[in-house]
Amino acid sequence: MNVDTQGGAYISGNASAGRDLIGRDQINNITQNAVSLVFLDPLNVAAANLQHDVLQIDAKRVVLTGIKVELLALVSELRATHKSIVALANPLWQLSDNPATFADEFKRAYAGFRAQYDAFDFGDQRTHCSRIREIHSDLTTKRTQLNVPLDWGRVDGSLSALYTADLDIIEEQYRPFTRWLNDAMKIIHQFVVQGDVASAIRAKNALLNAMEPNFDDNKARLEDMNDLVTKLTATS
């Protein structure tokens, strides 16, 4: 076995073939190591239940009782994780597969990704989970005094599942997902730096395929939660 000047191991004396083999392995690893976004399902269930029930409430009564503030804060916390994931991954869908422009487009997207990823604070995500518990507690107190037609049984179950499992969600699923995404982005960046744009495009598409359809579903959930925040805000 020989080693070329760029560190590529090969057998037949063909350094290019060796790098192609390593490149294929790296692209395959993106798919094989993918972490599913199904860990967002509890958030989606809670948000869907809340959206269904909140829209049944008379807006004026919500304002008068003061419960709208807690509902607005709760939805904002529920969407926080979705926002961070969409912000990290969404720029990839804007990249074309044009070999003539891909390298420059990806470099810009990668710079933005690195800035967000390096500033990412998992402690902040835990704060969101704790905040959901606090808001839920406040809502529980207020609902004993007010006749607000929320399906509290459904909402209670969804929210309790979130903040009782927050550590598991973050450590066992959320952190691995962002790590996998970062590793995949570094692989694409490596191809771009090496001038192997064709492999970079294949790696980008492997990453997008590994995230679909979960990413699209969760992006739609984020848009739904944004709409709910807008509706709650509009009843001021």
C-alpha atoms as a PDB file:
ATOM      1  CA  MET A   1       0.000   0.000   0.000  1.00  0.00           C
ATOM      2  CA  ASN A   2       1.254   3.488  -0.883  1.00  0.00           C
ATOM      3  CA  VAL A   3       0.319   6.929   0.423  1.00  0.00           C
ATOM      4  CA  ASP A   4       0.026   9.982  -1.782  1.00  0.00           C
ATOM      5  CA  THR A   5       1.106  13.485  -0.770  1.00  0.00           C
ATOM      6  CA  GLN A   6      -2.439  14.370   0.331  1.00  0.00           C
ATOM      7  CA  GLY A   7      -2.653  11.434   2.691  1.00  0.00           C
ATOM      8  CA  GLY A   8      -4.750   9.172   0.480  1.00  0.00           C
ATOM      9  CA  ALA A   9      -4.022   5.481   0.829  1.00  0.00           C
ATOM     10  CA  TYR A  10      -4.126   3.412  -2.338  1.00  0.00           C
ATOM     11  CA  ILE A  11      -3.109  -0.020  -3.558  1.00  0.00           C
ATOM     12  CA  SER A  12      -2.533   0.048  -7.284  1.00  0.00           C
ATOM     13  CA  GLY A  13      -0.290   3.077  -7.440  1.00  0.00           C
ATOM     14  CA  ASN A  14      -3.200   5.208  -8.624  1.00  0.00           C
ATOM     15  CA  ALA A  15      -3.524   8.016  -6.087  1.00  0.00           C
ATOM     16  CA  SER A  16      -6.647   9.402  -7.732  1.00  0.00           C
ATOM     17  CA  ALA A  17      -8.410   6.054  -7.473  1.00  0.00           C
ATOM     18  CA  GLY A  18      -7.406   5.865  -3.820  1.00  0.00           C
ATOM     19  CA  ARG A  19      -8.863   9.271  -3.063  1.00  0.00           C
ATOM     20  CA  ASP A  20     -12.053   8.344  -4.931  1.00  0.00           C
ATOM     21  CA  LEU A  21     -12.390   5.260  -2.736  1.00  0.00           C
ATOM     22  CA  ILE A  22     -11.886   7.267   0.439  1.00  0.00           C
ATOM     23  CA  GLY A  23     -14.328   9.868  -0.852  1.00  0.00           C
ATOM     24  CA  ARG A  24     -17.008   7.253  -1.443  1.00  0.00           C
ATOM     25  CA  ASP A  25     -16.487   5.924   2.065  1.00  0.00           C
ATOM     26  CA  GLN A  26     -16.886   9.409   3.521  1.00  0.00           C
ATOM     27  CA  ILE A  27     -20.099   9.992   1.593  1.00  0.00           C
ATOM     28  CA  ASN A  28     -21.446   6.592   2.666  1.00  0.00           C
ATOM     29  CA  ASN A  29     -20.655   7.475   6.287  1.00  0.00           C
ATOM     30  CA  ILE A  30     -22.934  10.504   6.063  1.00  0.00           C
ATOM     31  CA  THR A  31     -25.885   8.242   5.331  1.00  0.00           C
ATOM     32  CA  GLN A  32     -24.880   5.395   7.637  1.00  0.00           C
ATOM     33  CA  ASN A  33     -24.288   7.675  10.636  1.00  0.00           C
ATOM     34  CA  ALA A  34     -27.386   9.800  10.134  1.00  0.00           C
ATOM     35  CA  VAL A  35     -29.334  10.723  13.280  1.00  0.00           C
ATOM     36  CA  SER A  36     -33.087  10.913  12.732  1.00  0.00           C
ATOM     37  CA  LEU A  37     -35.065  13.982  13.690  1.00  0.00           C
ATOM     38  CA  VAL A  38     -37.797  11.798  15.199  1.00  0.00           C
ATOM     39  CA  PHE A  39     -36.651  13.032  18.612  1.00  0.00           C
ATOM     40  CA  LEU A  40     -38.637  16.175  17.813  1.00  0.00           C
ATOM     41  CA  ASP A  41     -41.872  14.178  17.741  1.00  0.00           C
ATOM     42  CA  PRO A  42     -42.805  14.948  21.393  1.00  0.00           C
ATOM     43  CA  LEU A  43     -42.420  18.661  20.627  1.00  0.00           C
ATOM     44  CA  ASN A  44     -44.567  18.238  17.537  1.00  0.00           C
ATOM     45  CA  VAL A  45     -47.297  16.419  19.458  1.00  0.00           C
ATOM     46  CA  ALA A  46     -47.341  19.083  22.177  1.00  0.00           C
ATOM     47  CA  ALA A  47     -47.423  21.901  19.635  1.00  0.00           C
ATOM     48  CA  ALA A  48     -50.144  20.264  17.551  1.00  0.00           C
ATOM     49  CA  ASN A  49     -52.341  19.661  20.605  1.00  0.00           C
ATOM     50  CA  LEU A  50     -51.803  23.184  21.821  1.00  0.00           C
ATOM     51  CA  GLN A  51     -52.492  24.689  18.423  1.00  0.00           C
ATOM     52  CA  HIS A  52     -55.743  22.747  18.063  1.00  0.00           C
ATOM     53  CA  ASP A  53     -57.016  23.756  21.488  1.00  0.00           C
ATOM     54  CA  VAL A  54     -55.812  27.356  21.567  1.00  0.00           C
ATOM     55  CA  LEU A  55     -57.616  28.102  18.329  1.00  0.00           C
ATOM     56  CA  GLN A  56     -60.869  27.055  20.013  1.00  0.00           C
ATOM     57  CA  ILE A  57     -60.531  29.768  22.658  1.00  0.00           C
ATOM     58  CA  ASP A  58     -62.288  33.078  22.368  1.00  0.00           C
ATOM     59  CA  ALA A  59     -59.493  35.605  21.842  1.00  0.00           C
ATOM     60  CA  LYS A  60     -61.073  38.344  23.975  1.00  0.00           C
ATOM     61  CA  ARG A  61     -61.488  36.017  26.940  1.00  0.00           C
ATOM     62  CA  VAL A  62     -57.864  34.936  26.673  1.00  0.00           C
ATOM     63  CA  VAL A  63     -56.756  38.558  26.809  1.00  0.00           C
ATOM     64  CA  LEU A  64     -59.002  39.344  29.766  1.00  0.00           C
ATOM     65  CA  THR A  65     -57.847  36.380  31.808  1.00  0.00           C
ATOM     66  CA  GLY A  66     -54.184  37.024  31.136  1.00  0.00           C
ATOM     67  CA  ILE A  67     -53.591  33.421  30.171  1.00  0.00           C
ATOM     68  CA  LYS A  68     -52.547  34.416  26.669  1.00  0.00           C
ATOM     69  CA  VAL A  69     -49.146  35.531  27.939  1.00  0.00           C
ATOM     70  CA  GLU A  70     -48.378  32.032  29.176  1.00  0.00           C
ATOM     71  CA  LEU A  71     -49.694  30.407  26.006  1.00  0.00           C
ATOM     72  CA  LEU A  72     -47.571  32.703  23.865  1.00  0.00           C
ATOM     73  CA  ALA A  73     -44.480  32.001  25.949  1.00  0.00           C
ATOM     74  CA  LEU A  74     -45.143  28.272  25.822  1.00  0.00           C
ATOM     75  CA  VAL A  75     -45.393  28.143  22.035  1.00  0.00           C
ATOM     76  CA  SER A  76     -42.243  30.270  21.769  1.00  0.00           C
ATOM     77  CA  GLU A  77     -40.348  27.765  23.899  1.00  0.00           C
ATOM     78  CA  LEU A  78     -41.708  24.804  21.939  1.00  0.00           C
ATOM     79  CA  ARG A  79     -40.455  26.264  18.674  1.00  0.00           C
ATOM     80  CA  ALA A  80     -36.975  27.141  19.972  1.00  0.00           C
ATOM     81  CA  THR A  81     -35.420  23.761  19.132  1.00  0.00           C
ATOM     82  CA  HIS A  82     -37.012  23.685  15.694  1.00  0.00           C
ATOM     83  CA  LYS A  83     -35.686  27.164  14.977  1.00  0.00           C
ATOM     84  CA  SER A  84     -32.119  26.192  15.870  1.00  0.00           C
ATOM     85  CA  ILE A  85     -32.188  23.059  13.694  1.00  0.00           C
ATOM     86  CA  VAL A  86     -33.755  24.829  10.727  1.00  0.00           C
ATOM     87  CA  ALA A  87     -31.223  27.659  11.042  1.00  0.00           C
ATOM     88  CA  LEU A  88     -28.359  25.153  10.966  1.00  0.00           C
ATOM     89  CA  ALA A  89     -29.572  23.028   8.078  1.00  0.00           C
ATOM     90  CA  ASN A  90     -31.830  25.167   5.912  1.00  0.00           C
ATOM     91  CA  PRO A  91     -29.049  26.931   3.909  1.00  0.00           C
ATOM     92  CA  LEU A  92     -28.106  23.569   2.372  1.00  0.00           C
ATOM     93  CA  TRP A  93     -31.400  23.454   0.502  1.00  0.00           C
ATOM     94  CA  GLN A  94     -30.532  26.752  -1.142  1.00  0.00           C
ATOM     95  CA  LEU A  95     -27.408  25.337  -2.800  1.00  0.00           C
ATOM     96  CA  SER A  96     -27.583  24.442  -6.479  1.00  0.00           C
ATOM     97  CA  ASP A  97     -25.827  21.443  -8.000  1.00  0.00           C
ATOM     98  CA  ASN A  98     -24.112  23.610 -10.576  1.00  0.00           C
ATOM     99  CA  PRO A  99     -20.403  22.640 -10.493  1.00  0.00           C
ATOM    100  CA  ALA A 100     -19.437  26.124 -11.634  1.00  0.00           C
ATOM    101  CA  THR A 101     -21.017  27.870  -8.644  1.00  0.00           C
ATOM    102  CA  PHE A 102     -21.260  25.219  -5.931  1.00  0.00           C
ATOM    103  CA  ALA A 103     -17.867  25.811  -4.300  1.00  0.00           C
ATOM    104  CA  ASP A 104     -18.426  29.515  -3.688  1.00  0.00           C
ATOM    105  CA  GLU A 105     -22.024  28.998  -2.586  1.00  0.00           C
ATOM    106  CA  PHE A 106     -21.046  26.277  -0.163  1.00  0.00           C
ATOM    107  CA  LYS A 107     -18.176  28.293   1.317  1.00  0.00           C
ATOM    108  CA  ARG A 108     -20.623  31.058   2.206  1.00  0.00           C
ATOM    109  CA  ALA A 109     -23.127  28.567   3.623  1.00  0.00           C
ATOM    110  CA  TYR A 110     -20.396  26.793   5.579  1.00  0.00           C
ATOM    111  CA  ALA A 111     -19.145  30.039   7.113  1.00  0.00           C
ATOM    112  CA  GLY A 112     -22.665  30.775   8.350  1.00  0.00           C
ATOM    113  CA  PHE A 113     -23.088  27.227   9.615  1.00  0.00           C
ATOM    114  CA  ARG A 114     -19.811  27.339  11.544  1.00  0.00           C
ATOM    115  CA  ALA A 115     -20.755  30.631  13.172  1.00  0.00           C
ATOM    116  CA  GLN A 116     -24.046  29.163  14.405  1.00  0.00           C
ATOM    117  CA  TYR A 117     -22.665  25.769  15.340  1.00  0.00           C
ATOM    118  CA  ASP A 118     -19.716  27.185  17.284  1.00  0.00           C
ATOM    119  CA  ALA A 119     -22.064  29.462  19.227  1.00  0.00           C
ATOM    120  CA  PHE A 120     -24.537  26.680  19.914  1.00  0.00           C
ATOM    121  CA  ASP A 121     -25.366  26.293  23.596  1.00  0.00           C
ATOM    122  CA  PHE A 122     -26.920  23.017  24.717  1.00  0.00           C
ATOM    123  CA  GLY A 123     -27.318  24.528  28.162  1.00  0.00           C
ATOM    124  CA  ASP A 124     -29.672  26.997  26.555  1.00  0.00           C
ATOM    125  CA  GLN A 125     -31.726  24.093  25.212  1.00  0.00           C
ATOM    126  CA  ARG A 126     -32.004  22.723  28.743  1.00  0.00           C
ATOM    127  CA  THR A 127     -33.186  26.152  29.828  1.00  0.00           C
ATOM    128  CA  HIS A 128     -35.989  25.901  27.282  1.00  0.00           C
ATOM    129  CA  CYS A 129     -37.061  22.585  28.807  1.00  0.00           C
ATOM    130  CA  SER A 130     -37.040  24.089  32.299  1.00  0.00           C
ATOM    131  CA  ARG A 131     -38.945  27.106  31.069  1.00  0.00           C
ATOM    132  CA  ILE A 132     -41.651  24.836  29.625  1.00  0.00           C
ATOM    133  CA  ARG A 133     -42.034  23.286  33.082  1.00  0.00           C
ATOM    134  CA  GLU A 134     -42.409  26.735  34.663  1.00  0.00           C
ATOM    135  CA  ILE A 135     -44.972  27.912  32.128  1.00  0.00           C
ATOM    136  CA  HIS A 136     -46.900  24.668  32.446  1.00  0.00           C
ATOM    137  CA  SER A 137     -46.999  25.090  36.217  1.00  0.00           C
ATOM    138  CA  ASP A 138     -48.341  28.634  35.876  1.00  0.00           C
ATOM    139  CA  LEU A 139     -50.983  27.505  33.421  1.00  0.00           C
ATOM    140  CA  THR A 140     -51.986  24.709  35.777  1.00  0.00           C
ATOM    141  CA  THR A 141     -52.567  27.223  38.571  1.00  0.00           C
ATOM    142  CA  LYS A 142     -54.571  29.591  36.401  1.00  0.00           C
ATOM    143  CA  ARG A 143     -56.788  26.952  34.881  1.00  0.00           C
ATOM    144  CA  THR A 144     -58.132  26.018  38.318  1.00  0.00           C
ATOM    145  CA  GLN A 145     -59.522  29.531  38.558  1.00  0.00           C
ATOM    146  CA  LEU A 146     -60.624  30.123  34.983  1.00  0.00           C
ATOM    147  CA  ASN A 147     -62.955  28.409  32.584  1.00  0.00           C
ATOM    148  CA  VAL A 148     -60.708  28.193  29.533  1.00  0.00           C
ATOM    149  CA  PRO A 149     -61.688  25.367  27.134  1.00  0.00           C
ATOM    150  CA  LEU A 150     -58.296  23.738  26.630  1.00  0.00           C
ATOM    151  CA  ASP A 151     -57.985  19.962  26.434  1.00  0.00           C
ATOM    152  CA  TRP A 152     -55.619  19.969  29.417  1.00  0.00           C
ATOM    153  CA  GLY A 153     -55.330  16.200  29.545  1.00  0.00           C
ATOM    154  CA  ARG A 154     -53.694  16.085  26.134  1.00  0.00           C
ATOM    155  CA  VAL A 155     -51.535  19.146  26.742  1.00  0.00           C
ATOM    156  CA  ASP A 156     -50.419  17.883  30.166  1.00  0.00           C
ATOM    157  CA  GLY A 157     -49.303  14.564  28.748  1.00  0.00           C
ATOM    158  CA  SER A 158     -47.334  16.119  25.916  1.00  0.00           C
ATOM    159  CA  LEU A 159     -45.597  18.758  28.014  1.00  0.00           C
ATOM    160  CA  SER A 160     -44.770  16.380  30.845  1.00  0.00           C
ATOM    161  CA  ALA A 161     -43.135  14.026  28.359  1.00  0.00           C
ATOM    162  CA  LEU A 162     -40.910  16.878  27.239  1.00  0.00           C
ATOM    163  CA  TYR A 163     -39.462  18.156  30.456  1.00  0.00           C
ATOM    164  CA  THR A 164     -39.167  14.811  32.162  1.00  0.00           C
ATOM    165  CA  ALA A 165     -37.050  13.521  29.288  1.00  0.00           C
ATOM    166  CA  ASP A 166     -35.158  16.714  28.471  1.00  0.00           C
ATOM    167  CA  LEU A 167     -31.740  15.322  29.445  1.00  0.00           C
ATOM    168  CA  ASP A 168     -32.226  12.173  27.375  1.00  0.00           C
ATOM    169  CA  ILE A 169     -33.472  14.145  24.395  1.00  0.00           C
ATOM    170  CA  ILE A 170     -30.532  16.541  24.477  1.00  0.00           C
ATOM    171  CA  GLU A 171     -27.711  14.155  25.322  1.00  0.00           C
ATOM    172  CA  GLU A 172     -28.865  11.076  23.447  1.00  0.00           C
ATOM    173  CA  GLN A 173     -30.451  12.618  20.366  1.00  0.00           C
ATOM    174  CA  TYR A 174     -30.113  16.374  19.966  1.00  0.00           C
ATOM    175  CA  ARG A 175     -26.360  16.569  20.568  1.00  0.00           C
ATOM    176  CA  PRO A 176     -25.641  13.520  18.340  1.00  0.00           C
ATOM    177  CA  PHE A 177     -27.751  15.061  15.565  1.00  0.00           C
ATOM    178  CA  THR A 178     -25.858  18.348  15.560  1.00  0.00           C
ATOM    179  CA  ARG A 179     -22.538  16.485  15.785  1.00  0.00           C
ATOM    180  CA  TRP A 180     -23.483  14.354  12.788  1.00  0.00           C
ATOM    181  CA  LEU A 181     -24.543  17.442  10.862  1.00  0.00           C
ATOM    182  CA  ASN A 182     -21.248  19.155  11.679  1.00  0.00           C
ATOM    183  CA  ASP A 183     -19.226  16.108  10.619  1.00  0.00           C
ATOM    184  CA  ALA A 184     -21.098  15.927   7.319  1.00  0.00           C
ATOM    185  CA  MET A 185     -20.533  19.624   6.656  1.00  0.00           C
ATOM    186  CA  LYS A 186     -16.815  19.177   7.298  1.00  0.00           C
ATOM    187  CA  ILE A 187     -16.691  16.347   4.772  1.00  0.00           C
ATOM    188  CA  ILE A 188     -18.338  18.526   2.129  1.00  0.00           C
ATOM    189  CA  HIS A 189     -15.976  21.367   2.982  1.00  0.00           C
ATOM    190  CA  GLN A 190     -12.995  19.050   2.662  1.00  0.00           C
ATOM    191  CA  PHE A 191     -14.068  18.059  -0.847  1.00  0.00           C
ATOM    192  CA  VAL A 192     -14.494  21.717  -1.794  1.00  0.00           C
ATOM    193  CA  VAL A 193     -11.038  22.632  -0.479  1.00  0.00           C
ATOM    194  CA  GLN A 194      -9.533  19.737  -2.435  1.00  0.00           C
ATOM    195  CA  GLY A 195     -11.255  20.946  -5.583  1.00  0.00           C
ATOM    196  CA  ASP A 196     -13.389  17.819  -5.826  1.00  0.00           C
ATOM    197  CA  VAL A 197     -16.655  19.610  -6.477  1.00  0.00           C
ATOM    198  CA  ALA A 198     -18.398  16.528  -7.883  1.00  0.00           C
ATOM    199  CA  SER A 199     -17.863  14.631  -4.617  1.00  0.00           C
ATOM    200  CA  ALA A 200     -18.861  17.704  -2.619  1.00  0.00           C
ATOM    201  CA  ILE A 201     -22.191  17.839  -4.463  1.00  0.00           C
ATOM    202  CA  ARG A 202     -22.756  14.120  -3.946  1.00  0.00           C
ATOM    203  CA  ALA A 203     -21.978  14.500  -0.236  1.00  0.00           C
ATOM    204  CA  LYS A 204     -24.374  17.444   0.065  1.00  0.00           C
ATOM    205  CA  ASN A 205     -27.146  15.451  -1.566  1.00  0.00           C
ATOM    206  CA  ALA A 206     -26.423  12.458   0.667  1.00  0.00           C
ATOM    207  CA  LEU A 207     -26.819  14.736   3.681  1.00  0.00           C
ATOM    208  CA  LEU A 208     -30.104  16.196   2.447  1.00  0.00           C
ATOM    209  CA  ASN A 209     -31.484  12.767   1.572  1.00  0.00           C
ATOM    210  CA  ALA A 210     -30.585  11.494   5.045  1.00  0.00           C
ATOM    211  CA  MET A 211     -32.549  14.328   6.667  1.00  0.00           C
ATOM    212  CA  GLU A 212     -35.642  14.005   4.506  1.00  0.00           C
ATOM    213  CA  PRO A 213     -38.545  13.764   5.027  1.00  0.00           C
ATOM    214  CA  ASN A 214     -38.104  14.564   8.736  1.00  0.00           C
ATOM    215  CA  PHE A 215     -36.598  17.972   8.053  1.00  0.00           C
ATOM    216  CA  ASP A 216     -39.444  19.081   5.799  1.00  0.00           C
ATOM    217  CA  ASP A 217     -42.012  17.888   8.329  1.00  0.00           C
ATOM    218  CA  ASN A 218     -40.337  19.731  11.180  1.00  0.00           C
ATOM    219  CA  LYS A 219     -39.852  22.863   9.145  1.00  0.00           C
ATOM    220  CA  ALA A 220     -43.598  22.785   8.475  1.00  0.00           C
ATOM    221  CA  ARG A 221     -44.197  22.368  12.212  1.00  0.00           C
ATOM    222  CA  LEU A 222     -42.049  25.428  12.872  1.00  0.00           C
ATOM    223  CA  GLU A 223     -44.104  27.412  10.371  1.00  0.00           C
ATOM    224  CA  ASP A 224     -47.288  26.249  12.123  1.00  0.00           C
ATOM    225  CA  MET A 225     -45.932  27.386  15.486  1.00  0.00           C
ATOM    226  CA  ASN A 226     -44.900  30.710  13.984  1.00  0.00           C
ATOM    227  CA  ASP A 227     -48.456  31.113  12.703  1.00  0.00           C
ATOM    228  CA  LEU A 228     -49.841  30.329  16.153  1.00  0.00           C
ATOM    229  CA  VAL A 229     -47.568  32.948  17.736  1.00  0.00           C
ATOM    230  CA  THR A 230     -48.825  35.437  15.162  1.00  0.00           C
ATOM    231  CA  LYS A 231     -52.448  34.622  15.981  1.00  0.00           C
ATOM    232  CA  LEU A 232     -51.860  34.940  19.713  1.00  0.00           C
ATOM    233  CA  THR A 233     -50.001  38.201  19.266  1.00  0.00           C
ATOM    234  CA  ALA A 234     -52.716  39.595  17.009  1.00  0.00           C
ATOM    235  CA  THR A 235     -55.331  39.233  19.779  1.00  0.00           C
ATOM    236  CA  SER A 236     -53.650  41.907  21.906  1.00  0.00           C
END
